Amino acid sequence: MNEPKLCENCYFFRAHYAKDDNGKFHELKDAHCTNNSIRRMTFVRARKNSYPCSDWTPVIEIDSSEDIDEIIKKAAKLIERIAAHLDIE
Protein backbone atom coordinates (compact mmCIF):
# COMPACT_ATOMS: atom_id res chain seq x y z
CA MET A 1 0.00 0.00 0.00
CA ASN A 2 1.37 3.41 -0.92
CA GLU A 3 1.65 5.98 1.82
CA PRO A 4 0.06 9.38 1.19
CA LYS A 5 2.33 12.19 0.00
CA LEU A 6 2.87 14.17 3.19
CA CYS A 7 5.88 16.06 4.51
CA GLU A 8 6.26 13.40 7.20
CA ASN A 9 6.73 10.74 4.46
CA CYS A 10 9.25 12.77 2.47
CA TYR A 11 12.96 12.04 2.20
CA PHE A 12 13.79 15.66 3.15
CA PHE A 13 11.66 15.73 6.34
CA ARG A 14 13.51 15.88 9.66
CA ALA A 15 11.63 15.74 12.93
CA HIS A 16 12.96 17.45 16.05
CA TYR A 17 13.42 15.48 19.27
CA ALA A 18 13.97 16.28 22.94
CA LYS A 19 15.44 14.07 25.63
CA ASP A 20 13.56 13.71 28.91
CA ASP A 21 15.08 13.31 32.39
CA ASN A 22 15.16 9.53 31.93
CA GLY A 23 17.22 9.79 28.74
CA LYS A 24 14.32 8.82 26.46
CA PHE A 25 13.80 10.80 23.24
CA HIS A 26 10.38 12.19 22.30
CA GLU A 27 9.39 13.62 18.93
CA LEU A 28 8.39 17.28 19.03
CA LYS A 29 5.75 18.94 16.86
CA ASP A 30 8.43 21.12 15.27
CA ALA A 31 10.39 19.84 12.25
CA HIS A 32 12.19 21.12 9.19
CA CYS A 33 12.80 20.36 5.53
CA THR A 34 16.39 19.71 4.43
CA ASN A 35 15.64 20.50 0.78
CA ASN A 36 17.42 23.80 0.16
CA SER A 37 15.10 24.70 -2.72
CA ILE A 38 12.07 24.79 -0.39
CA ARG A 39 11.51 27.93 1.64
CA ARG A 40 10.59 27.57 5.30
CA MET A 41 7.12 29.09 4.87
CA THR A 42 6.38 26.74 1.96
CA PHE A 43 7.22 23.82 4.24
CA VAL A 44 5.16 25.22 7.13
CA ARG A 45 2.10 25.78 4.90
CA ALA A 46 2.40 22.39 3.19
CA ARG A 47 2.69 20.57 6.49
CA LYS A 48 -0.17 22.54 8.07
CA ASN A 49 -2.49 21.88 5.11
CA SER A 50 -1.38 18.22 4.65
CA TYR A 51 -0.24 18.55 1.05
CA PRO A 52 3.24 17.92 -0.38
CA CYS A 53 5.37 20.49 -2.16
CA SER A 54 6.45 19.97 -5.76
CA ASP A 55 9.79 18.47 -4.61
CA TRP A 56 8.23 15.72 -2.49
CA THR A 57 10.47 12.63 -2.68
CA PRO A 58 9.64 9.22 -1.21
CA VAL A 59 11.88 7.79 1.49
CA ILE A 60 14.22 5.18 0.07
CA GLU A 61 13.90 1.95 1.99
CA ILE A 62 16.41 -0.87 1.96
CA ASP A 63 15.09 -4.30 1.04
CA SER A 64 15.54 -6.34 4.23
CA SER A 65 16.18 -9.48 2.19
CA GLU A 66 19.32 -7.92 0.71
CA ASP A 67 22.52 -8.87 2.50
CA ILE A 68 24.13 -6.00 4.43
CA ASP A 69 27.52 -6.84 2.89
CA GLU A 70 26.06 -6.33 -0.60
CA ILE A 71 24.55 -3.01 0.46
CA ILE A 72 27.94 -1.84 1.79
CA LYS A 73 29.71 -2.97 -1.40
CA LYS A 74 27.20 -1.05 -3.55
CA ALA A 75 27.64 2.04 -1.37
CA ALA A 76 31.45 1.79 -1.63
CA LYS A 77 31.26 1.58 -5.43
CA LEU A 78 28.98 4.61 -5.52
CA ILE A 79 31.36 6.58 -3.29
CA GLU A 80 34.28 5.63 -5.56
CA ARG A 81 32.36 6.88 -8.61
CA ILE A 82 31.53 10.16 -6.85
CA ALA A 83 35.17 10.61 -5.76
CA ALA A 84 36.38 9.95 -9.31
CA HIS A 85 33.92 12.52 -10.63
CA LEU A 86 35.18 15.08 -8.13
CA ASP A 87 38.85 14.10 -8.67
CA ILE A 88 39.29 13.20 -5.00
CA GLU A 89 41.81 10.59 -4.01
C-alpha atoms as a PDB file:
ATOM      1  CA  MET A   1       0.000   0.000   0.000  1.00  0.00           C
ATOM      2  CA  ASN A   2       1.367   3.413  -0.922  1.00  0.00           C
ATOM      3  CA  GLU A   3       1.650   5.979   1.815  1.00  0.00           C
ATOM      4  CA  PRO A   4       0.061   9.378   1.191  1.00  0.00           C
ATOM      5  CA  LYS A   5       2.330  12.190  -0.001  1.00  0.00           C
ATOM      6  CA  LEU A   6       2.871  14.169   3.189  1.00  0.00           C
ATOM      7  CA  CYS A   7       5.880  16.060   4.508  1.00  0.00           C
ATOM      8  CA  GLU A   8       6.256  13.396   7.202  1.00  0.00           C
ATOM      9  CA  ASN A   9       6.726  10.743   4.462  1.00  0.00           C
ATOM     10  CA  CYS A  10       9.250  12.775   2.467  1.00  0.00           C
ATOM     11  CA  TYR A  11      12.960  12.036   2.203  1.00  0.00           C
ATOM     12  CA  PHE A  12      13.785  15.657   3.150  1.00  0.00           C
ATOM     13  CA  PHE A  13      11.656  15.733   6.341  1.00  0.00           C
ATOM     14  CA  ARG A  14      13.511  15.883   9.657  1.00  0.00           C
ATOM     15  CA  ALA A  15      11.628  15.735  12.925  1.00  0.00           C
ATOM     16  CA  HIS A  16      12.958  17.448  16.047  1.00  0.00           C
ATOM     17  CA  TYR A  17      13.422  15.483  19.268  1.00  0.00           C
ATOM     18  CA  ALA A  18      13.973  16.285  22.936  1.00  0.00           C
ATOM     19  CA  LYS A  19      15.436  14.071  25.634  1.00  0.00           C
ATOM     20  CA  ASP A  20      13.555  13.713  28.911  1.00  0.00           C
ATOM     21  CA  ASP A  21      15.079  13.315  32.393  1.00  0.00           C
ATOM     22  CA  ASN A  22      15.161   9.529  31.929  1.00  0.00           C
ATOM     23  CA  GLY A  23      17.223   9.794  28.743  1.00  0.00           C
ATOM     24  CA  LYS A  24      14.319   8.824  26.464  1.00  0.00           C
ATOM     25  CA  PHE A  25      13.800  10.802  23.240  1.00  0.00           C
ATOM     26  CA  HIS A  26      10.378  12.193  22.304  1.00  0.00           C
ATOM     27  CA  GLU A  27       9.386  13.619  18.926  1.00  0.00           C
ATOM     28  CA  LEU A  28       8.389  17.281  19.026  1.00  0.00           C
ATOM     29  CA  LYS A  29       5.750  18.937  16.857  1.00  0.00           C
ATOM     30  CA  ASP A  30       8.432  21.119  15.265  1.00  0.00           C
ATOM     31  CA  ALA A  31      10.389  19.836  12.248  1.00  0.00           C
ATOM     32  CA  HIS A  32      12.188  21.116   9.194  1.00  0.00           C
ATOM     33  CA  CYS A  33      12.801  20.364   5.526  1.00  0.00           C
ATOM     34  CA  THR A  34      16.386  19.706   4.431  1.00  0.00           C
ATOM     35  CA  ASN A  35      15.639  20.498   0.780  1.00  0.00           C
ATOM     36  CA  ASN A  36      17.420  23.801   0.161  1.00  0.00           C
ATOM     37  CA  SER A  37      15.103  24.700  -2.716  1.00  0.00           C
ATOM     38  CA  ILE A  38      12.068  24.789  -0.393  1.00  0.00           C
ATOM     39  CA  ARG A  39      11.508  27.931   1.640  1.00  0.00           C
ATOM     40  CA  ARG A  40      10.593  27.566   5.297  1.00  0.00           C
ATOM     41  CA  MET A  41       7.120  29.086   4.866  1.00  0.00           C
ATOM     42  CA  THR A  42       6.376  26.737   1.959  1.00  0.00           C
ATOM     43  CA  PHE A  43       7.224  23.824   4.240  1.00  0.00           C
ATOM     44  CA  VAL A  44       5.160  25.222   7.130  1.00  0.00           C
ATOM     45  CA  ARG A  45       2.102  25.776   4.901  1.00  0.00           C
ATOM     46  CA  ALA A  46       2.405  22.394   3.190  1.00  0.00           C
ATOM     47  CA  ARG A  47       2.685  20.571   6.491  1.00  0.00           C
ATOM     48  CA  LYS A  48      -0.168  22.540   8.073  1.00  0.00           C
ATOM     49  CA  ASN A  49      -2.488  21.877   5.107  1.00  0.00           C
ATOM     50  CA  SER A  50      -1.383  18.218   4.647  1.00  0.00           C
ATOM     51  CA  TYR A  51      -0.243  18.546   1.051  1.00  0.00           C
ATOM     52  CA  PRO A  52       3.237  17.924  -0.380  1.00  0.00           C
ATOM     53  CA  CYS A  53       5.375  20.487  -2.156  1.00  0.00           C
ATOM     54  CA  SER A  54       6.449  19.968  -5.756  1.00  0.00           C
ATOM     55  CA  ASP A  55       9.794  18.471  -4.610  1.00  0.00           C
ATOM     56  CA  TRP A  56       8.225  15.716  -2.485  1.00  0.00           C
ATOM     57  CA  THR A  57      10.467  12.632  -2.675  1.00  0.00           C
ATOM     58  CA  PRO A  58       9.635   9.217  -1.214  1.00  0.00           C
ATOM     59  CA  VAL A  59      11.878   7.793   1.487  1.00  0.00           C
ATOM     60  CA  ILE A  60      14.221   5.178   0.070  1.00  0.00           C
ATOM     61  CA  GLU A  61      13.897   1.954   1.989  1.00  0.00           C
ATOM     62  CA  ILE A  62      16.415  -0.873   1.962  1.00  0.00           C
ATOM     63  CA  ASP A  63      15.088  -4.298   1.045  1.00  0.00           C
ATOM     64  CA  SER A  64      15.537  -6.344   4.232  1.00  0.00           C
ATOM     65  CA  SER A  65      16.182  -9.481   2.192  1.00  0.00           C
ATOM     66  CA  GLU A  66      19.323  -7.923   0.708  1.00  0.00           C
ATOM     67  CA  ASP A  67      22.522  -8.867   2.496  1.00  0.00           C
ATOM     68  CA  ILE A  68      24.128  -6.003   4.434  1.00  0.00           C
ATOM     69  CA  ASP A  69      27.521  -6.841   2.891  1.00  0.00           C
ATOM     70  CA  GLU A  70      26.063  -6.331  -0.598  1.00  0.00           C
ATOM     71  CA  ILE A  71      24.546  -3.009   0.464  1.00  0.00           C
ATOM     72  CA  ILE A  72      27.939  -1.842   1.788  1.00  0.00           C
ATOM     73  CA  LYS A  73      29.709  -2.968  -1.398  1.00  0.00           C
ATOM     74  CA  LYS A  74      27.204  -1.046  -3.549  1.00  0.00           C
ATOM     75  CA  ALA A  75      27.639   2.038  -1.371  1.00  0.00           C
ATOM     76  CA  ALA A  76      31.449   1.794  -1.632  1.00  0.00           C
ATOM     77  CA  LYS A  77      31.256   1.580  -5.431  1.00  0.00           C
ATOM     78  CA  LEU A  78      28.978   4.607  -5.524  1.00  0.00           C
ATOM     79  CA  ILE A  79      31.363   6.578  -3.293  1.00  0.00           C
ATOM     80  CA  GLU A  80      34.282   5.629  -5.563  1.00  0.00           C
ATOM     81  CA  ARG A  81      32.357   6.882  -8.611  1.00  0.00           C
ATOM     82  CA  ILE A  82      31.533  10.155  -6.849  1.00  0.00           C
ATOM     83  CA  ALA A  83      35.172  10.615  -5.758  1.00  0.00           C
ATOM     84  CA  ALA A  84      36.379   9.952  -9.314  1.00  0.00           C
ATOM     85  CA  HIS A  85      33.916  12.519 -10.628  1.00  0.00           C
ATOM     86  CA  LEU A  86      35.179  15.078  -8.132  1.00  0.00           C
ATOM     87  CA  ASP A  87      38.855  14.105  -8.671  1.00  0.00           C
ATOM     88  CA  ILE A  88      39.286  13.205  -5.003  1.00  0.00           C
ATOM     89  CA  GLU A  89      41.808  10.585  -4.013  1.00  0.00           C
END
